[in-house]
Amino acid sequence: MDLLSKKLLRYGLLIQLYDDFFTYGYESCVDINYRIPRDCRIDVIAALYYINFRRWIFFNIEKDKTVSVYILGNGIDEIERSLQESGELLLSNIYKDVLIPVEEDRKGGDGDGNIPRASV
C-alpha cells in the first residue's frame, strides 16, 4: 500500500467515525464494535494504530477480533479542519484563470532573446 492509499484509508476511517459519532451520539459510539474485513485487516489496524497515536480516536482490539473505536475531540477538529480546507480549495476554483498571460511581444526584444520590460 503506497503512502497516498494509507493516508486516504486513515481519513476514510476517521470520517466514518466522525459520521457515526454525529449519527448515533457519544453514548452509543463508545459501545459500537466494528468487524474488519480479513483481506485488509493489517492495513486497517495499522491505520487505526496511527490515528490512535495522533490522539484522534480511542481504539482497542477485543478478544473476538472486533475493534472498539470511537472518535475523540482532536479527531473531530482534524476532520472539520480538513473539510474546511478542502472546501476552500474547491471554492477557490471559482476564481480560475483570473490572471491572463500577455502574448504580445514575447518573441520580441532586441534579438537577444530577452523580453523588454516596460518602465513602471
N, C-alpha and C. Protein backbone atom coordinates (compact mmCIF):
# COMPACT_ATOMS: atom_id res chain seq x y z
N MET A 1 0.86 -1.17 0.00
CA MET A 1 0.00 0.00 0.00
C MET A 1 0.90 1.23 0.00
N ASP A 2 0.69 2.14 -0.94
CA ASP A 2 1.53 3.33 -1.03
C ASP A 2 1.08 4.39 -0.03
N LEU A 3 1.87 5.45 0.08
CA LEU A 3 1.61 6.48 1.10
C LEU A 3 0.26 7.16 0.91
N LEU A 4 -0.10 7.45 -0.33
CA LEU A 4 -1.38 8.11 -0.58
C LEU A 4 -2.54 7.21 -0.15
N SER A 5 -2.45 5.93 -0.47
CA SER A 5 -3.50 4.98 -0.08
C SER A 5 -3.63 4.90 1.44
N LYS A 6 -2.50 4.91 2.13
CA LYS A 6 -2.53 4.86 3.59
C LYS A 6 -3.20 6.09 4.17
N LYS A 7 -2.86 7.25 3.63
CA LYS A 7 -3.46 8.49 4.13
C LYS A 7 -4.95 8.52 3.84
N LEU A 8 -5.34 8.08 2.66
CA LEU A 8 -6.77 8.04 2.32
C LEU A 8 -7.52 7.07 3.22
N LEU A 9 -6.92 5.92 3.53
CA LEU A 9 -7.53 4.96 4.44
C LEU A 9 -7.72 5.57 5.82
N ARG A 10 -6.69 6.24 6.34
CA ARG A 10 -6.78 6.87 7.66
C ARG A 10 -7.92 7.88 7.71
N TYR A 11 -7.96 8.76 6.71
CA TYR A 11 -9.01 9.77 6.70
C TYR A 11 -10.38 9.15 6.44
N GLY A 12 -10.43 8.09 5.65
CA GLY A 12 -11.70 7.40 5.44
C GLY A 12 -12.25 6.82 6.74
N LEU A 13 -11.36 6.19 7.52
CA LEU A 13 -11.77 5.65 8.82
C LEU A 13 -12.21 6.76 9.76
N LEU A 14 -11.44 7.84 9.77
CA LEU A 14 -11.75 8.95 10.67
C LEU A 14 -13.08 9.60 10.30
N ILE A 15 -13.35 9.74 9.00
CA ILE A 15 -14.63 10.31 8.56
C ILE A 15 -15.78 9.39 8.93
N GLN A 16 -15.59 8.06 8.80
CA GLN A 16 -16.64 7.12 9.19
C GLN A 16 -16.95 7.25 10.68
N LEU A 17 -15.91 7.35 11.50
CA LEU A 17 -16.12 7.50 12.94
C LEU A 17 -16.76 8.85 13.28
N TYR A 18 -16.39 9.87 12.54
CA TYR A 18 -16.99 11.20 12.70
C TYR A 18 -18.48 11.14 12.39
N ASP A 19 -18.82 10.51 11.26
CA ASP A 19 -20.24 10.37 10.89
C ASP A 19 -21.01 9.55 11.92
N ASP A 20 -20.42 8.45 12.39
CA ASP A 20 -21.08 7.62 13.40
C ASP A 20 -21.30 8.39 14.69
N PHE A 21 -20.33 9.20 15.06
CA PHE A 21 -20.43 9.98 16.30
C PHE A 21 -21.62 10.93 16.23
N PHE A 22 -21.78 11.61 15.09
CA PHE A 22 -22.88 12.57 14.98
C PHE A 22 -24.19 11.92 14.55
N THR A 23 -24.15 10.65 14.16
CA THR A 23 -25.38 9.92 13.84
C THR A 23 -25.96 9.26 15.09
N TYR A 24 -25.10 8.58 15.85
CA TYR A 24 -25.57 7.79 16.99
C TYR A 24 -25.38 8.48 18.33
N GLY A 25 -24.46 9.43 18.41
CA GLY A 25 -24.19 10.09 19.68
C GLY A 25 -23.08 9.40 20.45
N TYR A 26 -22.50 10.12 21.39
CA TYR A 26 -21.36 9.63 22.15
C TYR A 26 -21.69 8.38 22.95
N GLU A 27 -22.86 8.37 23.58
CA GLU A 27 -23.22 7.23 24.44
C GLU A 27 -23.25 5.93 23.66
N SER A 28 -23.74 5.98 22.42
CA SER A 28 -23.80 4.77 21.59
C SER A 28 -22.45 4.43 20.98
N CYS A 29 -21.69 5.45 20.59
CA CYS A 29 -20.41 5.22 19.90
C CYS A 29 -19.41 4.48 20.77
N VAL A 30 -19.41 4.73 22.07
CA VAL A 30 -18.43 4.05 22.92
C VAL A 30 -18.74 2.57 23.06
N ASP A 31 -19.94 2.15 22.65
CA ASP A 31 -20.32 0.75 22.73
C ASP A 31 -20.33 0.04 21.38
N ILE A 32 -20.00 0.74 20.31
CA ILE A 32 -20.02 0.12 18.98
C ILE A 32 -18.70 -0.62 18.74
N ASN A 33 -18.81 -1.88 18.36
CA ASN A 33 -17.65 -2.66 17.93
C ASN A 33 -17.75 -2.84 16.43
N TYR A 34 -16.62 -2.82 15.78
CA TYR A 34 -16.57 -2.95 14.33
C TYR A 34 -15.82 -4.22 13.95
N ARG A 35 -16.30 -4.87 12.89
CA ARG A 35 -15.63 -6.02 12.32
C ARG A 35 -14.77 -5.52 11.17
N ILE A 36 -13.57 -6.05 11.03
CA ILE A 36 -12.65 -5.62 9.97
C ILE A 36 -12.54 -6.74 8.95
N PRO A 37 -12.70 -6.45 7.67
CA PRO A 37 -12.56 -7.49 6.64
C PRO A 37 -11.17 -8.12 6.66
N ARG A 38 -11.11 -9.42 6.45
CA ARG A 38 -9.84 -10.16 6.52
C ARG A 38 -8.82 -9.71 5.47
N ASP A 39 -9.30 -9.36 4.27
CA ASP A 39 -8.36 -9.05 3.19
C ASP A 39 -7.58 -7.75 3.40
N CYS A 40 -8.06 -6.88 4.28
CA CYS A 40 -7.33 -5.62 4.52
C CYS A 40 -7.12 -5.38 6.01
N ARG A 41 -7.20 -6.45 6.79
CA ARG A 41 -7.11 -6.32 8.25
C ARG A 41 -5.82 -5.65 8.71
N ILE A 42 -4.70 -6.04 8.18
CA ILE A 42 -3.41 -5.49 8.61
C ILE A 42 -3.34 -3.99 8.32
N ASP A 43 -3.76 -3.60 7.12
CA ASP A 43 -3.72 -2.18 6.76
C ASP A 43 -4.66 -1.34 7.62
N VAL A 44 -5.86 -1.87 7.89
CA VAL A 44 -6.83 -1.13 8.70
C VAL A 44 -6.33 -1.00 10.14
N ILE A 45 -5.80 -2.06 10.70
CA ILE A 45 -5.29 -2.00 12.08
C ILE A 45 -4.11 -1.05 12.16
N ALA A 46 -3.23 -1.08 11.16
CA ALA A 46 -2.11 -0.14 11.15
C ALA A 46 -2.61 1.30 11.09
N ALA A 47 -3.63 1.56 10.28
CA ALA A 47 -4.20 2.90 10.18
C ALA A 47 -4.84 3.32 11.51
N LEU A 48 -5.54 2.39 12.15
CA LEU A 48 -6.15 2.70 13.44
C LEU A 48 -5.09 2.99 14.51
N TYR A 49 -4.01 2.21 14.51
CA TYR A 49 -2.92 2.50 15.45
C TYR A 49 -2.34 3.89 15.21
N TYR A 50 -2.18 4.26 13.94
CA TYR A 50 -1.63 5.57 13.62
C TYR A 50 -2.54 6.69 14.12
N ILE A 51 -3.84 6.61 13.79
CA ILE A 51 -4.72 7.70 14.20
C ILE A 51 -4.99 7.67 15.71
N ASN A 52 -4.81 6.52 16.35
CA ASN A 52 -4.87 6.46 17.80
C ASN A 52 -3.65 7.17 18.40
N PHE A 53 -2.48 6.95 17.82
CA PHE A 53 -1.26 7.59 18.28
C PHE A 53 -1.36 9.11 18.18
N ARG A 54 -2.07 9.60 17.16
CA ARG A 54 -2.27 11.04 16.98
C ARG A 54 -3.32 11.60 17.96
N ARG A 55 -3.91 10.73 18.77
CA ARG A 55 -4.94 11.09 19.75
C ARG A 55 -6.23 11.59 19.07
N TRP A 56 -6.51 11.03 17.89
CA TRP A 56 -7.72 11.38 17.18
C TRP A 56 -8.86 10.41 17.51
N ILE A 57 -8.51 9.21 18.00
CA ILE A 57 -9.53 8.20 18.30
C ILE A 57 -9.13 7.45 19.56
N PHE A 58 -10.11 6.73 20.12
CA PHE A 58 -9.85 5.69 21.11
C PHE A 58 -9.96 4.38 20.35
N PHE A 59 -9.05 3.45 20.62
CA PHE A 59 -9.01 2.22 19.84
C PHE A 59 -8.58 1.07 20.73
N ASN A 60 -9.29 -0.07 20.61
CA ASN A 60 -8.95 -1.27 21.37
C ASN A 60 -9.37 -2.49 20.56
N ILE A 61 -8.49 -3.49 20.50
CA ILE A 61 -8.84 -4.75 19.84
C ILE A 61 -9.45 -5.67 20.89
N GLU A 62 -10.65 -6.18 20.61
CA GLU A 62 -11.36 -7.04 21.54
C GLU A 62 -10.94 -8.50 21.35
N LYS A 63 -11.33 -9.35 22.27
CA LYS A 63 -10.97 -10.77 22.23
C LYS A 63 -11.55 -11.49 21.02
N ASP A 64 -12.72 -11.04 20.57
CA ASP A 64 -13.36 -11.69 19.42
C ASP A 64 -12.86 -11.12 18.07
N LYS A 65 -11.73 -10.41 18.10
CA LYS A 65 -11.09 -9.82 16.93
C LYS A 65 -11.88 -8.69 16.29
N THR A 66 -12.87 -8.17 17.01
CA THR A 66 -13.51 -6.93 16.58
C THR A 66 -12.73 -5.79 17.21
N VAL A 67 -13.01 -4.57 16.78
CA VAL A 67 -12.34 -3.42 17.36
C VAL A 67 -13.38 -2.48 17.95
N SER A 68 -13.04 -1.97 19.10
CA SER A 68 -13.83 -0.92 19.73
C SER A 68 -13.10 0.38 19.42
N VAL A 69 -13.75 1.27 18.74
CA VAL A 69 -13.09 2.50 18.32
C VAL A 69 -14.12 3.62 18.22
N TYR A 70 -13.75 4.81 18.70
CA TYR A 70 -14.60 5.98 18.52
C TYR A 70 -13.72 7.22 18.47
N ILE A 71 -14.26 8.25 17.86
CA ILE A 71 -13.51 9.47 17.62
C ILE A 71 -13.43 10.32 18.90
N LEU A 72 -12.32 11.01 19.06
CA LEU A 72 -12.12 11.93 20.17
C LEU A 72 -12.17 13.37 19.65
N GLY A 73 -12.09 14.31 20.56
CA GLY A 73 -12.17 15.73 20.19
C GLY A 73 -11.13 16.15 19.17
N ASN A 74 -9.89 15.68 19.32
CA ASN A 74 -8.85 16.04 18.35
C ASN A 74 -9.17 15.50 16.96
N GLY A 75 -9.79 14.35 16.90
CA GLY A 75 -10.18 13.77 15.61
C GLY A 75 -11.28 14.59 14.95
N ILE A 76 -12.23 15.04 15.77
CA ILE A 76 -13.29 15.90 15.25
C ILE A 76 -12.70 17.18 14.70
N ASP A 77 -11.77 17.79 15.44
CA ASP A 77 -11.11 19.01 14.98
C ASP A 77 -10.37 18.77 13.67
N GLU A 78 -9.68 17.64 13.56
CA GLU A 78 -8.92 17.32 12.35
C GLU A 78 -9.83 17.17 11.14
N ILE A 79 -10.94 16.46 11.30
CA ILE A 79 -11.87 16.27 10.19
C ILE A 79 -12.48 17.60 9.78
N GLU A 80 -12.92 18.40 10.74
CA GLU A 80 -13.54 19.68 10.41
C GLU A 80 -12.55 20.63 9.76
N ARG A 81 -11.29 20.60 10.20
CA ARG A 81 -10.25 21.43 9.57
C ARG A 81 -10.02 20.97 8.13
N SER A 82 -9.94 19.66 7.94
CA SER A 82 -9.72 19.12 6.59
C SER A 82 -10.90 19.43 5.67
N LEU A 83 -12.11 19.30 6.19
CA LEU A 83 -13.29 19.63 5.38
C LEU A 83 -13.31 21.10 5.00
N GLN A 84 -12.93 21.95 5.93
CA GLN A 84 -12.90 23.38 5.65
C GLN A 84 -11.85 23.70 4.59
N GLU A 85 -10.65 23.12 4.74
CA GLU A 85 -9.58 23.37 3.77
C GLU A 85 -9.94 22.83 2.40
N SER A 86 -10.51 21.64 2.34
CA SER A 86 -10.86 21.08 1.03
C SER A 86 -12.01 21.88 0.41
N GLY A 87 -12.91 22.38 1.23
CA GLY A 87 -13.99 23.23 0.72
C GLY A 87 -13.44 24.53 0.18
N GLU A 88 -12.48 25.12 0.87
CA GLU A 88 -11.86 26.35 0.40
C GLU A 88 -11.11 26.10 -0.90
N LEU A 89 -10.42 24.98 -0.98
CA LEU A 89 -9.70 24.64 -2.20
C LEU A 89 -10.66 24.47 -3.37
N LEU A 90 -11.77 23.78 -3.13
CA LEU A 90 -12.77 23.57 -4.16
C LEU A 90 -13.38 24.90 -4.59
N LEU A 91 -13.73 25.74 -3.62
CA LEU A 91 -14.34 27.02 -3.94
C LEU A 91 -13.37 27.98 -4.61
N SER A 92 -12.08 27.81 -4.37
CA SER A 92 -11.10 28.69 -4.99
C SER A 92 -11.08 28.54 -6.51
N ASN A 93 -11.63 27.44 -7.02
CA ASN A 93 -11.70 27.25 -8.46
C ASN A 93 -12.68 28.20 -9.13
N ILE A 94 -13.49 28.89 -8.34
CA ILE A 94 -14.38 29.91 -8.89
C ILE A 94 -13.55 31.01 -9.55
N TYR A 95 -12.41 31.31 -8.96
CA TYR A 95 -11.55 32.37 -9.45
C TYR A 95 -10.45 31.81 -10.35
N LYS A 96 -10.82 30.89 -11.19
CA LYS A 96 -9.88 30.25 -12.09
C LYS A 96 -9.56 31.18 -13.26
N ASP A 97 -8.33 31.19 -13.68
CA ASP A 97 -7.87 31.98 -14.83
C ASP A 97 -8.14 33.47 -14.69
N VAL A 98 -7.93 34.01 -13.51
CA VAL A 98 -8.09 35.44 -13.30
C VAL A 98 -6.95 36.20 -13.97
N LEU A 99 -5.73 35.67 -13.84
CA LEU A 99 -4.58 36.29 -14.46
C LEU A 99 -4.45 35.79 -15.90
N ILE A 100 -4.34 36.72 -16.81
CA ILE A 100 -4.26 36.36 -18.22
C ILE A 100 -2.84 36.66 -18.71
N PRO A 101 -2.14 35.66 -19.23
CA PRO A 101 -0.79 35.91 -19.72
C PRO A 101 -0.82 36.81 -20.95
N VAL A 102 0.14 37.71 -21.02
CA VAL A 102 0.25 38.61 -22.16
C VAL A 102 1.03 37.90 -23.25
N GLU A 103 0.43 37.80 -24.40
CA GLU A 103 1.05 37.09 -25.52
C GLU A 103 1.86 38.02 -26.40
N GLU A 104 1.57 39.30 -26.38
CA GLU A 104 2.23 40.22 -27.30
C GLU A 104 3.70 40.40 -26.95
N ASP A 105 4.48 40.54 -27.91
CA ASP A 105 5.90 40.88 -27.81
C ASP A 105 6.71 39.84 -27.02
N ARG A 106 6.25 38.61 -26.98
CA ARG A 106 7.00 37.57 -26.31
C ARG A 106 8.23 37.17 -27.10
N LYS A 107 8.09 37.16 -28.39
CA LYS A 107 9.21 36.81 -29.25
C LYS A 107 10.09 38.03 -29.50
N GLY A 108 9.56 39.17 -29.17
CA GLY A 108 10.22 40.44 -29.48
C GLY A 108 11.51 40.66 -28.74
N GLY A 109 11.77 41.91 -28.49
CA GLY A 109 13.03 42.26 -27.85
C GLY A 109 14.01 42.72 -28.90
N ASP A 110 15.22 42.76 -28.52
CA ASP A 110 16.24 43.25 -29.44
C ASP A 110 17.00 42.12 -30.10
N GLY A 111 16.40 40.98 -30.17
CA GLY A 111 17.01 39.87 -30.88
C GLY A 111 17.91 38.99 -30.02
N ASP A 112 18.12 39.38 -28.77
CA ASP A 112 18.99 38.58 -27.91
C ASP A 112 18.22 37.59 -27.06
N GLY A 113 16.91 37.49 -27.28
CA GLY A 113 16.09 36.55 -26.52
C GLY A 113 15.52 37.14 -25.26
N ASN A 114 15.94 38.34 -24.89
CA ASN A 114 15.39 38.99 -23.70
C ASN A 114 14.15 39.79 -24.07
N ILE A 115 13.16 39.72 -23.25
CA ILE A 115 11.93 40.46 -23.48
C ILE A 115 12.07 41.82 -22.82
N PRO A 116 11.84 42.90 -23.57
CA PRO A 116 11.96 44.22 -22.96
C PRO A 116 10.88 44.45 -21.92
N ARG A 117 11.22 45.08 -20.85
CA ARG A 117 10.27 45.39 -19.78
C ARG A 117 9.86 46.86 -19.92
N ALA A 118 8.58 47.10 -19.78
CA ALA A 118 8.09 48.48 -19.80
C ALA A 118 8.47 49.13 -18.49
N SER A 119 8.69 50.41 -18.50
CA SER A 119 9.04 51.11 -17.26
C SER A 119 7.82 51.20 -16.37
N VAL A 120 8.05 51.10 -15.09
CA VAL A 120 6.96 51.07 -14.13
C VAL A 120 6.61 52.46 -13.68
